[in-house]
């Protein structure tokens, strides 16, 4: 690695000292995604980066998902747009530093808008910003808390078809426990019997999501 490449992985030496902030290089991200290529390209595969920085990992994940969207739904503008938004809904991040968290949201928004060919004021772009405000949070992944001490909560999105999206909110601490029940005595228990959402929302359209962003 050259000195210039190394410099691109840090914003400042002080941030490295204070927060251990070092960004994952693009070549390493692609190598990691190739190891899980069957999952990384799935539209509905949920991906969480607990130290997402400015999106060095999540942006390529979104790009992989959008390739799948284009292949499967590119011939239908309606399905392409809705599945593109759903692919964004399945991407999550936690970041300790507020500027990095916002940079991550902005980068993901830019990729999404470019894929659909929309500007930042469009209904689709506003809906995407609302989703990202909920999916990419400033917080501490270790304590599973927001800066104010409240528990990190993530929305679990579902696409029901015909332009309708479903949202249920879960505490991050509960979500991390799901894997613990796979292959155990609890493997035969329905998920809804173990994990209760903190809130269930009415189904929403893109227009309703976009209106939330401007409310």
Protein backbone atom coordinates (compact mmCIF):
# COMPACT_ATOMS: atom_id res chain seq x y z
CA UNK A 1 0.00 0.00 0.00
CA UNK A 2 1.35 3.41 -0.98
CA UNK A 3 1.56 6.35 1.44
CA UNK A 4 -1.18 8.12 -0.53
CA UNK A 5 -3.49 5.11 -0.29
CA UNK A 6 -2.85 4.89 3.45
CA UNK A 7 -3.65 8.57 3.89
CA UNK A 8 -7.00 8.06 2.15
CA UNK A 9 -8.04 5.59 4.86
CA UNK A 10 -7.99 8.22 7.64
CA UNK A 11 -9.54 11.67 8.05
CA UNK A 12 -7.08 12.77 10.73
CA UNK A 13 -4.55 11.23 13.06
CA UNK A 14 -6.47 12.65 16.01
CA UNK A 15 -9.64 10.80 14.98
CA UNK A 16 -7.62 7.61 14.69
CA UNK A 17 -6.27 8.15 18.20
CA UNK A 18 -9.63 9.14 19.71
CA UNK A 19 -11.95 6.71 17.93
CA UNK A 20 -9.80 4.16 16.08
CA UNK A 21 -11.24 5.54 12.84
CA UNK A 22 -9.73 3.81 9.79
CA UNK A 23 -11.71 3.22 6.59
CA UNK A 24 -11.81 -0.12 4.78
CA UNK A 25 -10.14 0.10 1.34
CA UNK A 26 -12.31 -0.63 -1.71
CA UNK A 27 -10.30 -3.68 -2.81
CA UNK A 28 -10.80 -5.32 0.59
CA UNK A 29 -14.55 -4.63 0.50
CA UNK A 30 -14.85 -6.29 -2.91
CA UNK A 31 -12.85 -9.30 -1.74
CA UNK A 32 -15.19 -9.65 1.25
CA UNK A 33 -18.30 -9.36 -0.92
CA UNK A 34 -17.00 -12.02 -3.29
CA UNK A 35 -16.84 -14.42 -0.34
CA UNK A 36 -20.58 -13.97 0.19
CA UNK A 37 -21.61 -13.15 -3.39
CA UNK A 38 -24.81 -15.22 -3.22
CA UNK A 39 -25.99 -13.11 -0.30
CA UNK A 40 -24.54 -9.72 -1.21
CA UNK A 41 -26.51 -9.62 -4.46
CA UNK A 42 -29.85 -10.64 -2.96
CA UNK A 43 -32.35 -7.79 -2.93
CA UNK A 44 -33.90 -8.87 0.37
CA UNK A 45 -30.67 -9.82 2.19
CA UNK A 46 -30.36 -7.58 5.23
CA UNK A 47 -26.86 -6.21 5.78
CA UNK A 48 -25.72 -4.36 8.90
CA UNK A 49 -22.35 -2.63 9.24
CA UNK A 50 -21.89 -1.83 12.95
CA UNK A 51 -19.07 0.64 12.25
CA UNK A 52 -20.17 1.92 8.85
CA UNK A 53 -18.01 5.04 8.62
CA UNK A 54 -18.92 7.01 5.51
CA UNK A 55 -20.26 3.97 3.68
CA UNK A 56 -17.15 2.32 2.22
CA UNK A 57 -18.77 -1.09 2.75
CA UNK A 58 -22.48 -0.30 2.44
CA UNK A 59 -22.24 1.58 -0.85
CA UNK A 60 -20.77 -1.43 -2.72
CA UNK A 61 -23.41 -3.65 -1.08
CA UNK A 62 -26.13 -1.38 -2.48
CA UNK A 63 -24.49 -1.43 -5.91
CA UNK A 64 -24.51 -5.25 -5.89
CA UNK A 65 -28.18 -5.28 -4.94
CA UNK A 66 -29.09 -2.77 -7.64
CA UNK A 67 -27.44 -4.94 -10.29
CA UNK A 68 -29.83 -7.71 -9.26
CA UNK A 69 -32.75 -5.27 -9.38
CA UNK A 70 -31.82 -4.27 -12.93
CA UNK A 71 -31.48 -7.89 -14.09
CA UNK A 72 -34.75 -9.05 -12.53
CA UNK A 73 -36.98 -6.00 -12.79
CA UNK A 74 -35.34 -3.69 -15.34
CA UNK A 75 -38.13 -4.18 -17.89
CA UNK A 76 -40.79 -2.84 -15.53
CA UNK A 77 -40.21 0.75 -14.34
CA UNK A 78 -42.74 0.24 -11.53
CA UNK A 79 -41.10 -2.91 -10.16
CA UNK A 80 -37.59 -1.57 -10.75
CA UNK A 81 -38.23 1.50 -8.63
CA UNK A 82 -39.99 -0.32 -5.81
CA UNK A 83 -37.43 -3.11 -5.60
CA UNK A 84 -34.61 -0.57 -5.72
CA UNK A 85 -36.12 1.15 -2.69
CA UNK A 86 -36.58 -2.21 -0.98
CA UNK A 87 -32.92 -3.04 -1.58
CA UNK A 88 -32.02 0.21 0.18
CA UNK A 89 -34.40 -0.68 3.01
CA UNK A 90 -32.37 -3.84 3.64
CA UNK A 91 -29.14 -1.93 4.34
CA UNK A 92 -28.31 -0.78 7.89
CA UNK A 93 -25.46 1.04 9.54
CA UNK A 94 -24.32 2.24 12.95
CA UNK A 95 -21.65 4.92 13.21
CA UNK A 96 -20.22 6.64 16.27
CA UNK A 97 -19.33 9.94 14.58
CA UNK A 98 -22.17 12.14 13.27
CA UNK A 99 -20.36 13.47 10.19
CA UNK A 100 -19.53 9.95 9.03
CA UNK A 101 -23.11 8.81 9.56
CA UNK A 102 -24.40 11.67 7.42
CA UNK A 103 -21.76 11.05 4.75
CA UNK A 104 -22.91 7.41 4.63
CA UNK A 105 -26.55 8.42 4.16
CA UNK A 106 -25.59 10.95 1.49
CA UNK A 107 -23.47 8.43 -0.43
CA UNK A 108 -26.21 5.79 -0.39
CA UNK A 109 -28.77 8.40 -1.47
CA UNK A 110 -26.56 9.47 -4.37
CA UNK A 111 -26.22 5.88 -5.63
CA UNK A 112 -29.97 5.28 -5.33
CA UNK A 113 -30.89 8.54 -7.09
CA UNK A 114 -28.42 7.86 -9.89
CA UNK A 115 -29.78 4.35 -10.43
CA UNK A 116 -33.35 5.63 -10.81
CA UNK A 117 -32.31 8.78 -12.66
CA UNK A 118 -34.09 11.11 -10.22
CA UNK A 119 -33.05 14.37 -8.61
CA UNK A 120 -32.79 15.06 -4.90
CA UNK A 121 -36.23 16.73 -4.74
CA UNK A 122 -38.13 13.85 -6.31
CA UNK A 123 -40.63 11.74 -4.41
CA UNK A 124 -38.35 8.71 -4.66
CA UNK A 125 -35.30 10.56 -3.37
CA UNK A 126 -37.25 11.96 -0.41
CA UNK A 127 -38.58 8.50 0.43
CA UNK A 128 -35.04 7.12 0.29
CA UNK A 129 -33.78 9.84 2.66
CA UNK A 130 -36.53 8.99 5.13
CA UNK A 131 -35.56 5.33 5.00
CA UNK A 132 -31.87 6.10 5.49
CA UNK A 133 -32.57 8.40 8.42
CA UNK A 134 -34.00 5.35 10.19
CA UNK A 135 -31.59 2.73 8.83
CA UNK A 136 -28.26 4.51 9.33
CA UNK A 137 -27.98 5.76 12.88
CA UNK A 138 -25.41 7.61 14.93
CA UNK A 139 -24.78 5.45 17.96
CA UNK A 140 -22.50 3.00 19.73
CA UNK A 141 -22.75 -0.56 18.40
CA UNK A 142 -21.08 -1.94 21.53
CA UNK A 143 -23.44 -0.37 24.05
CA UNK A 144 -26.29 -0.62 21.49
CA UNK A 145 -27.34 2.90 22.45
CA UNK A 146 -27.90 6.28 20.85
CA UNK A 147 -25.98 9.36 22.07
CA UNK A 148 -28.85 10.18 24.45
CA UNK A 149 -28.68 6.71 25.99
CA UNK A 150 -31.84 5.41 24.34
CA UNK A 151 -31.57 1.91 22.81
CA UNK A 152 -30.83 1.71 19.09
CA UNK A 153 -33.97 0.70 17.21
CA UNK A 154 -34.09 -0.39 13.58
CA UNK A 155 -37.03 -0.74 11.21
CA UNK A 156 -37.58 -4.12 9.59
CA UNK A 157 -39.01 -3.36 6.16
CA UNK A 158 -41.00 -5.65 3.93
CA UNK A 159 -42.22 -5.16 0.37
CA UNK A 160 -45.74 -6.53 0.05
CA UNK A 161 -46.04 -5.90 -3.69
CA UNK A 162 -48.27 -3.47 -5.59
CA UNK A 163 -46.35 -0.51 -4.22
CA UNK A 164 -46.96 -1.26 -0.52
CA UNK A 165 -44.26 -1.39 2.15
CA UNK A 166 -44.53 -2.68 5.69
CA UNK A 167 -42.47 -1.49 8.66
CA UNK A 168 -41.96 -2.96 12.12
CA UNK A 169 -39.44 -1.53 14.60
CA UNK A 170 -37.17 -3.72 16.73
CA UNK A 171 -34.51 -2.93 19.30
CA UNK A 172 -31.05 -3.69 18.00
CA UNK A 173 -30.29 -5.72 21.13
CA UNK A 174 -33.20 -8.03 20.31
CA UNK A 175 -32.16 -8.39 16.67
CA UNK A 176 -28.67 -9.51 17.65
CA UNK A 177 -30.19 -12.37 19.62
CA UNK A 178 -31.99 -13.91 16.64
CA UNK A 179 -28.94 -15.82 15.46
CA UNK A 180 -28.60 -17.38 18.91
CA UNK A 181 -31.85 -19.28 18.45
CA UNK A 182 -31.02 -20.84 15.08
CA UNK A 183 -30.20 -24.51 15.40
CA UNK A 184 -31.27 -24.62 19.07
CA UNK A 185 -34.38 -25.62 20.98
CA UNK A 186 -35.88 -22.35 19.84
CA UNK A 187 -35.37 -23.14 16.18
CA UNK A 188 -38.89 -24.55 15.92
CA UNK A 189 -40.51 -21.59 17.68
CA UNK A 190 -42.11 -18.95 15.50
CA UNK A 191 -40.01 -15.79 15.39
CA UNK A 192 -42.95 -13.60 16.36
CA UNK A 193 -43.30 -15.59 19.60
CA UNK A 194 -39.75 -14.63 20.62
CA UNK A 195 -39.28 -11.12 19.28
CA UNK A 196 -41.93 -8.47 19.72
CA UNK A 197 -41.65 -5.25 17.72
CA UNK A 198 -41.57 -2.01 19.67
CA UNK A 199 -43.91 -0.57 17.07
CA UNK A 200 -45.81 -1.76 14.01
CA UNK A 201 -46.69 0.80 11.33
CA UNK A 202 -49.53 0.87 8.81
CA UNK A 203 -48.54 -0.13 5.28
CA UNK A 204 -47.06 2.78 3.34
CA UNK A 205 -46.58 3.82 -0.27
CA UNK A 206 -43.60 5.71 -1.65
CA UNK A 207 -45.63 8.91 -1.57
CA UNK A 208 -46.44 8.42 2.09
CA UNK A 209 -42.76 7.74 2.87
CA UNK A 210 -41.75 10.86 0.96
CA UNK A 211 -44.32 12.95 2.83
CA UNK A 212 -42.83 11.73 6.12
CA UNK A 213 -39.48 13.15 4.99
CA UNK A 214 -40.99 16.62 4.58
CA UNK A 215 -43.32 16.56 7.60
